[in-house]
C-alpha atoms as a PDB file:
ATOM      1  CA  MET A   1       0.000   0.000   0.000  1.00  0.00           C
ATOM      2  CA  ALA A   2       1.395   3.389  -0.979  1.00  0.00           C
ATOM      3  CA  ARG A   3       2.088   5.852   1.775  1.00  0.00           C
ATOM      4  CA  ILE A   4      -0.380   8.762   1.939  1.00  0.00           C
ATOM      5  CA  SER A   5       1.136  12.081   3.005  1.00  0.00           C
ATOM      6  CA  TRP A   6      -0.277  13.707   6.114  1.00  0.00           C
ATOM      7  CA  LEU A   7       0.099  17.135   4.485  1.00  0.00           C
ATOM      8  CA  ASN A   8      -1.236  18.814   1.358  1.00  0.00           C
ATOM      9  CA  ASP A   9       1.110  20.312  -1.208  1.00  0.00           C
ATOM     10  CA  ASP A  10       1.004  23.623   0.671  1.00  0.00           C
ATOM     11  CA  SER A  11       2.122  21.899   3.925  1.00  0.00           C
ATOM     12  CA  THR A  12      -1.270  22.119   5.606  1.00  0.00           C
ATOM     13  CA  THR A  13      -2.772  19.106   7.296  1.00  0.00           C
ATOM     14  CA  ASP A  14      -5.107  16.917   5.317  1.00  0.00           C
ATOM     15  CA  LEU A  15      -6.703  15.178   8.281  1.00  0.00           C
ATOM     16  CA  ASP A  16     -10.268  15.781   7.123  1.00  0.00           C
ATOM     17  CA  ALA A  17      -9.657  13.750   3.974  1.00  0.00           C
ATOM     18  CA  MET A  18      -8.229  10.895   6.030  1.00  0.00           C
ATOM     19  CA  VAL A  19     -11.059  10.957   8.549  1.00  0.00           C
ATOM     20  CA  GLU A  20     -13.646  10.936   5.767  1.00  0.00           C
ATOM     21  CA  LYS A  21     -12.279   7.532   4.738  1.00  0.00           C
ATOM     22  CA  LEU A  22     -13.227   6.060   8.129  1.00  0.00           C
ATOM     23  CA  ASP A  23     -16.594   4.444   7.432  1.00  0.00           C
ATOM     24  CA  HIS A  24     -17.452   4.093  11.121  1.00  0.00           C
ATOM     25  CA  PHE A  25     -16.844   7.815  11.624  1.00  0.00           C
ATOM     26  CA  MET A  26     -18.949   8.829   8.648  1.00  0.00           C
ATOM     27  CA  GLN A  27     -21.793   6.594   9.830  1.00  0.00           C
ATOM     28  CA  SER A  28     -21.568   8.039  13.341  1.00  0.00           C
ATOM     29  CA  ILE A  29     -21.804  11.658  12.213  1.00  0.00           C
ATOM     30  CA  ALA A  30     -24.470  11.070   9.564  1.00  0.00           C
ATOM     31  CA  ASP A  31     -27.232  12.225  11.937  1.00  0.00           C
ATOM     32  CA  ASN A  32     -25.149  15.123  13.386  1.00  0.00           C
ATOM     33  CA  VAL A  33     -25.378  13.536  16.840  1.00  0.00           C
ATOM     34  CA  ILE A  34     -22.661  11.553  18.587  1.00  0.00           C
ATOM     35  CA  ASP A  35     -24.181   9.398  21.299  1.00  0.00           C
ATOM     36  CA  ALA A  36     -22.321   7.848  24.223  1.00  0.00           C
ATOM     37  CA  HIS A  37     -22.045   4.460  22.486  1.00  0.00           C
ATOM     38  CA  GLU A  38     -20.514   5.979  19.338  1.00  0.00           C
ATOM     39  CA  LEU A  39     -18.005   7.907  21.442  1.00  0.00           C
ATOM     40  CA  GLU A  40     -17.121   4.790  23.424  1.00  0.00           C
ATOM     41  CA  THR A  41     -16.672   2.814  20.194  1.00  0.00           C
ATOM     42  CA  GLN A  42     -14.354   5.502  18.821  1.00  0.00           C
ATOM     43  CA  GLU A  43     -12.337   5.502  22.049  1.00  0.00           C
ATOM     44  CA  THR A  44     -11.920   1.719  21.672  1.00  0.00           C
ATOM     45  CA  ASN A  45     -10.874   2.162  18.023  1.00  0.00           C
ATOM     46  CA  LEU A  46      -8.303   4.741  19.101  1.00  0.00           C
ATOM     47  CA  ALA A  47      -6.931   2.557  21.910  1.00  0.00           C
ATOM     48  CA  ASP A  48      -6.671  -0.429  19.545  1.00  0.00           C
ATOM     49  CA  ALA A  49      -4.800   1.664  16.949  1.00  0.00           C
ATOM     50  CA  MET A  50      -2.440   3.004  19.609  1.00  0.00           C
ATOM     51  CA  LYS A  51      -1.736  -0.506  20.944  1.00  0.00           C
ATOM     52  CA  ALA A  52      -1.039  -1.753  17.412  1.00  0.00           C
ATOM     53  CA  VAL A  53       1.655   0.893  16.915  1.00  0.00           C
ATOM     54  CA  GLU A  54       3.137   1.599  20.342  1.00  0.00           C
ATOM     55  CA  GLY A  55       4.999  -1.684  20.811  1.00  0.00           C
ATOM     56  CA  SER A  56       6.754  -1.421  17.453  1.00  0.00           C
ATOM     57  CA  LEU A  57       8.309   1.994  18.093  1.00  0.00           C
ATOM     58  CA  SER A  58      11.786   2.782  19.340  1.00  0.00           C
ATOM     59  CA  ASP A  59      11.981   5.226  22.253  1.00  0.00           C
ATOM     60  CA  GLU A  60      12.801   8.063  19.834  1.00  0.00           C
ATOM     61  CA  GLN A  61       9.921   7.169  17.524  1.00  0.00           C
ATOM     62  CA  HIS A  62       7.596   6.797  20.506  1.00  0.00           C
ATOM     63  CA  ALA A  63       8.465  10.304  21.695  1.00  0.00           C
ATOM     64  CA  LYS A  64       7.793  11.727  18.217  1.00  0.00           C
ATOM     65  CA  VAL A  65       4.477   9.904  17.828  1.00  0.00           C
ATOM     66  CA  THR A  66       3.443  10.906  21.363  1.00  0.00           C
ATOM     67  CA  ARG A  67       4.018  14.553  20.448  1.00  0.00           C
ATOM     68  CA  LEU A  68       2.148  14.030  17.160  1.00  0.00           C
ATOM     69  CA  ILE A  69      -0.863  12.583  18.991  1.00  0.00           C
ATOM     70  CA  ALA A  70      -0.839  15.490  21.454  1.00  0.00           C
ATOM     71  CA  GLU A  71      -0.562  18.084  18.648  1.00  0.00           C
ATOM     72  CA  VAL A  72      -3.404  16.440  16.675  1.00  0.00           C
ATOM     73  CA  THR A  73      -5.575  16.400  19.790  1.00  0.00           C
ATOM     74  CA  ALA A  74      -4.806  20.058  20.537  1.00  0.00           C
ATOM     75  CA  TYR A  75      -5.549  21.001  16.925  1.00  0.00           C
ATOM     76  CA  SER A  76      -8.830  19.102  16.969  1.00  0.00           C
ATOM     77  CA  VAL A  77      -9.993  20.804  20.170  1.00  0.00           C
ATOM     78  CA  MET A  78      -8.909  24.243  18.943  1.00  0.00           C
ATOM     79  CA  LYS A  79     -10.555  23.750  15.539  1.00  0.00           C
ATOM     80  CA  THR A  80     -13.811  22.621  17.171  1.00  0.00           C
ATOM     81  CA  LEU A  81     -13.837  25.588  19.546  1.00  0.00           C
ATOM     82  CA  HIS A  82     -13.047  27.981  16.683  1.00  0.00           C
ATOM     83  CA  GLU A  83     -15.885  26.568  14.580  1.00  0.00           C
ATOM     84  CA  LEU A  84     -18.306  26.797  17.509  1.00  0.00           C
ATOM     85  CA  THR A  85     -17.295  30.416  18.068  1.00  0.00           C
ATOM     86  CA  GLN A  86     -17.733  31.209  14.375  1.00  0.00           C
ATOM     87  CA  ALA A  87     -21.182  29.594  14.430  1.00  0.00           C
ATOM     88  CA  ARG A  88     -22.195  31.674  17.464  1.00  0.00           C
ATOM     89  CA  VAL A  89     -20.988  34.868  15.803  1.00  0.00           C
ATOM     90  CA  SER A  90     -22.888  34.014  12.622  1.00  0.00           C
ATOM     91  CA  GLN A  91     -26.056  33.384  14.621  1.00  0.00           C
ATOM     92  CA  ALA A  92     -25.649  36.595  16.571  1.00  0.00           C
ATOM     93  CA  VAL A  93     -25.355  38.752  13.460  1.00  0.00           C
ATOM     94  CA  ALA A  94     -27.911  36.866  11.363  1.00  0.00           C
ATOM     95  CA  PRO A  95     -31.056  38.858  10.600  1.00  0.00           C
ATOM     96  CA  LYS A  96     -33.990  37.874  12.771  1.00  0.00           C
ATOM     97  CA  SER A  97     -37.102  36.825  10.895  1.00  0.00           C
END
């Protein structure tokens, strides 16, 4: 299987494209509601993926991947909060009917 770059040509992350290939994720968000079971299932998927990789890494690789996971998590939280803020601003300035 060919390696897929984590970045676009302009060196920005392309995580959305990768996530869209996760069928279980797309099915979970189809109704715009994430219930407790879907979140628990995703946590299990994440833990399984981490276990599959962690044991095969050298200490140096482990440190790099640990930082990568932390940076992705921080980005995800920040992006979500930014989008929520933008949505609130849009609602606040939207004309009332």
